[in-house]
N, C-alpha and C. Protein backbone atom coordinates (compact mmCIF):
# COMPACT_ATOMS: atom_id res chain seq x y z
N MET A 1 91.06 138.90 107.17
CA MET A 1 92.42 138.53 106.89
C MET A 1 92.88 137.40 107.81
N LEU A 2 92.49 137.47 109.05
CA LEU A 2 92.86 136.42 110.00
C LEU A 2 92.22 135.09 109.61
N LYS A 3 90.99 135.14 109.13
CA LYS A 3 90.32 133.90 108.73
C LYS A 3 91.04 133.25 107.55
N ARG A 4 91.48 134.03 106.58
CA ARG A 4 92.21 133.48 105.43
C ARG A 4 93.53 132.87 105.89
N PHE A 5 94.20 133.56 106.81
CA PHE A 5 95.47 133.06 107.34
C PHE A 5 95.25 131.72 108.05
N LEU A 6 94.22 131.64 108.88
CA LEU A 6 93.94 130.41 109.60
C LEU A 6 93.54 129.28 108.65
N ALA A 7 92.80 129.61 107.61
CA ALA A 7 92.41 128.60 106.63
C ALA A 7 93.65 128.03 105.94
N LYS A 8 94.58 128.90 105.55
CA LYS A 8 95.82 128.42 104.92
C LYS A 8 96.66 127.63 105.92
N TRP A 9 96.67 128.06 107.16
CA TRP A 9 97.43 127.36 108.18
C TRP A 9 96.88 125.95 108.41
N ARG A 10 95.55 125.80 108.37
CA ARG A 10 94.94 124.47 108.53
C ARG A 10 95.36 123.52 107.42
N ILE A 11 95.47 124.04 106.20
CA ILE A 11 95.91 123.21 105.08
C ILE A 11 97.32 122.68 105.35
N TRP A 12 98.21 123.56 105.80
CA TRP A 12 99.58 123.14 106.12
C TRP A 12 99.59 122.20 107.32
N GLU A 13 98.75 122.46 108.28
CA GLU A 13 98.67 121.62 109.46
C GLU A 13 98.30 120.19 109.08
N GLU A 14 97.31 120.04 108.21
CA GLU A 14 96.90 118.71 107.76
C GLU A 14 97.99 118.03 106.96
N ALA A 15 98.69 118.81 106.15
CA ALA A 15 99.76 118.24 105.33
C ALA A 15 100.93 117.76 106.18
N LEU A 16 101.20 118.45 107.27
CA LEU A 16 102.37 118.13 108.10
C LEU A 16 102.04 117.24 109.30
N THR A 17 100.79 116.89 109.49
CA THR A 17 100.41 116.06 110.63
C THR A 17 101.13 114.73 110.55
N GLY A 18 101.79 114.38 111.62
CA GLY A 18 102.48 113.09 111.70
C GLY A 18 103.80 113.03 110.99
N ILE A 19 104.32 114.15 110.54
CA ILE A 19 105.57 114.14 109.78
C ILE A 19 106.76 113.74 110.66
N ASP A 20 106.63 113.88 111.96
CA ASP A 20 107.74 113.54 112.85
C ASP A 20 107.89 112.03 113.04
N ASP A 21 106.88 111.24 112.65
CA ASP A 21 106.96 109.78 112.83
C ASP A 21 106.53 109.08 111.56
N LEU A 22 107.07 109.50 110.44
CA LEU A 22 106.66 108.91 109.17
C LEU A 22 106.96 107.42 109.10
N ARG A 23 108.13 107.03 109.53
CA ARG A 23 108.54 105.64 109.40
C ARG A 23 107.63 104.72 110.21
N GLY A 24 107.33 105.10 111.43
CA GLY A 24 106.47 104.26 112.28
C GLY A 24 105.07 104.13 111.72
N ASN A 25 104.49 105.24 111.28
CA ASN A 25 103.13 105.19 110.74
C ASN A 25 103.10 104.45 109.41
N GLN A 26 104.12 104.62 108.60
CA GLN A 26 104.16 103.92 107.31
C GLN A 26 104.26 102.42 107.53
N LEU A 27 105.09 102.00 108.47
CA LEU A 27 105.22 100.57 108.74
C LEU A 27 103.93 99.99 109.28
N LEU A 28 103.27 100.71 110.15
CA LEU A 28 102.00 100.26 110.69
C LEU A 28 100.96 100.13 109.58
N SER A 29 100.89 101.12 108.72
CA SER A 29 99.95 101.08 107.59
C SER A 29 100.28 99.94 106.63
N LEU A 30 101.57 99.73 106.40
CA LEU A 30 102.00 98.66 105.52
C LEU A 30 101.62 97.30 106.09
N GLU A 31 101.83 97.10 107.39
CA GLU A 31 101.47 95.84 108.02
C GLU A 31 99.97 95.58 107.91
N GLN A 32 99.16 96.61 108.12
CA GLN A 32 97.72 96.45 108.01
C GLN A 32 97.32 96.11 106.58
N ARG A 33 97.94 96.77 105.62
CA ARG A 33 97.61 96.51 104.21
C ARG A 33 98.02 95.11 103.80
N VAL A 34 99.19 94.66 104.23
CA VAL A 34 99.65 93.30 103.91
C VAL A 34 98.70 92.27 104.52
N ARG A 35 98.30 92.49 105.76
CA ARG A 35 97.37 91.58 106.42
C ARG A 35 96.05 91.51 105.66
N GLN A 36 95.56 92.66 105.21
CA GLN A 36 94.31 92.72 104.46
C GLN A 36 94.44 91.98 103.12
N ILE A 37 95.54 92.19 102.44
CA ILE A 37 95.76 91.52 101.15
C ILE A 37 95.88 90.01 101.34
N GLU A 38 96.57 89.58 102.39
CA GLU A 38 96.68 88.14 102.66
C GLU A 38 95.32 87.52 102.92
N GLN A 39 94.45 88.21 103.64
CA GLN A 39 93.11 87.71 103.89
C GLN A 39 92.30 87.62 102.60
N GLN A 40 92.42 88.64 101.76
CA GLN A 40 91.72 88.61 100.48
C GLN A 40 92.23 87.48 99.59
N LEU A 41 93.53 87.26 99.60
CA LEU A 41 94.12 86.20 98.80
C LEU A 41 93.65 84.83 99.28
N ALA A 42 93.57 84.66 100.58
CA ALA A 42 93.10 83.39 101.14
C ALA A 42 91.66 83.11 100.72
N GLN A 43 90.86 84.14 100.61
CA GLN A 43 89.48 83.95 100.18
C GLN A 43 89.39 83.62 98.69
N LEU A 44 90.32 84.15 97.90
CA LEU A 44 90.30 83.92 96.46
C LEU A 44 90.84 82.55 96.07
N GLN A 45 91.76 82.03 96.84
CA GLN A 45 92.35 80.74 96.50
C GLN A 45 91.31 79.65 96.69
N PRO A 46 91.23 78.74 95.74
CA PRO A 46 90.25 77.66 95.87
C PRO A 46 90.59 76.76 97.06
N LYS A 47 89.56 76.26 97.66
CA LYS A 47 89.78 75.34 98.78
C LYS A 47 90.43 74.07 98.24
N ARG A 48 91.47 73.65 98.92
CA ARG A 48 92.21 72.48 98.46
C ARG A 48 91.42 71.23 98.81
N ARG A 49 91.14 70.45 97.78
CA ARG A 49 90.40 69.21 98.02
C ARG A 49 91.37 68.16 98.52
N SER A 50 90.84 67.16 99.19
CA SER A 50 91.73 66.10 99.68
C SER A 50 92.22 65.29 98.48
N GLU A 51 93.47 64.94 98.53
CA GLU A 51 94.08 64.22 97.42
C GLU A 51 93.68 62.75 97.47
N THR A 52 93.58 62.19 96.29
CA THR A 52 93.31 60.75 96.22
C THR A 52 94.59 60.00 96.58
N GLU A 53 94.46 58.71 96.75
CA GLU A 53 95.61 57.89 97.15
C GLU A 53 96.72 57.95 96.09
N ILE A 54 96.35 57.90 94.83
CA ILE A 54 97.35 57.92 93.76
C ILE A 54 98.04 59.28 93.70
N GLU A 55 97.29 60.36 93.95
CA GLU A 55 97.90 61.68 93.97
C GLU A 55 98.88 61.81 95.13
N GLN A 56 98.56 61.20 96.24
CA GLN A 56 99.47 61.23 97.39
C GLN A 56 100.75 60.46 97.08
N LEU A 57 100.61 59.33 96.40
CA LEU A 57 101.79 58.53 96.06
C LEU A 57 102.69 59.24 95.04
N LEU A 58 102.08 59.95 94.10
CA LEU A 58 102.85 60.60 93.05
C LEU A 58 103.33 61.99 93.41
N SER A 59 102.88 62.50 94.53
CA SER A 59 103.21 63.88 94.92
C SER A 59 104.70 64.02 95.23
N LEU A 60 105.29 65.09 94.70
CA LEU A 60 106.69 65.40 94.99
C LEU A 60 106.81 66.42 96.13
N ASP A 61 105.70 66.95 96.56
CA ASP A 61 105.72 67.98 97.58
C ASP A 61 106.00 67.44 98.98
N LYS A 62 105.52 66.25 99.25
CA LYS A 62 105.65 65.71 100.60
C LYS A 62 106.53 64.46 100.57
N PRO A 63 107.37 64.29 101.58
CA PRO A 63 108.15 63.06 101.66
C PRO A 63 107.24 61.87 102.00
N LYS A 64 107.49 60.74 101.38
CA LYS A 64 106.70 59.53 101.65
C LYS A 64 107.21 58.86 102.93
N VAL A 65 106.31 58.55 103.83
CA VAL A 65 106.71 57.92 105.09
C VAL A 65 106.17 56.53 105.14
């Protein structure tokens, strides 16, 4: 009987582990996940080739100096 009680208690123990600091652990996990996704995205994006002179002149992204 004691073994069954302890087995059930372990299940609850695992479920409640860290419940006192949910916000801190969730934010830490979120930051790690965002960092991982950003790294994966950087690998998936094609490497930007250098623009030709005409592309630089016609570009609206950068101010012409």
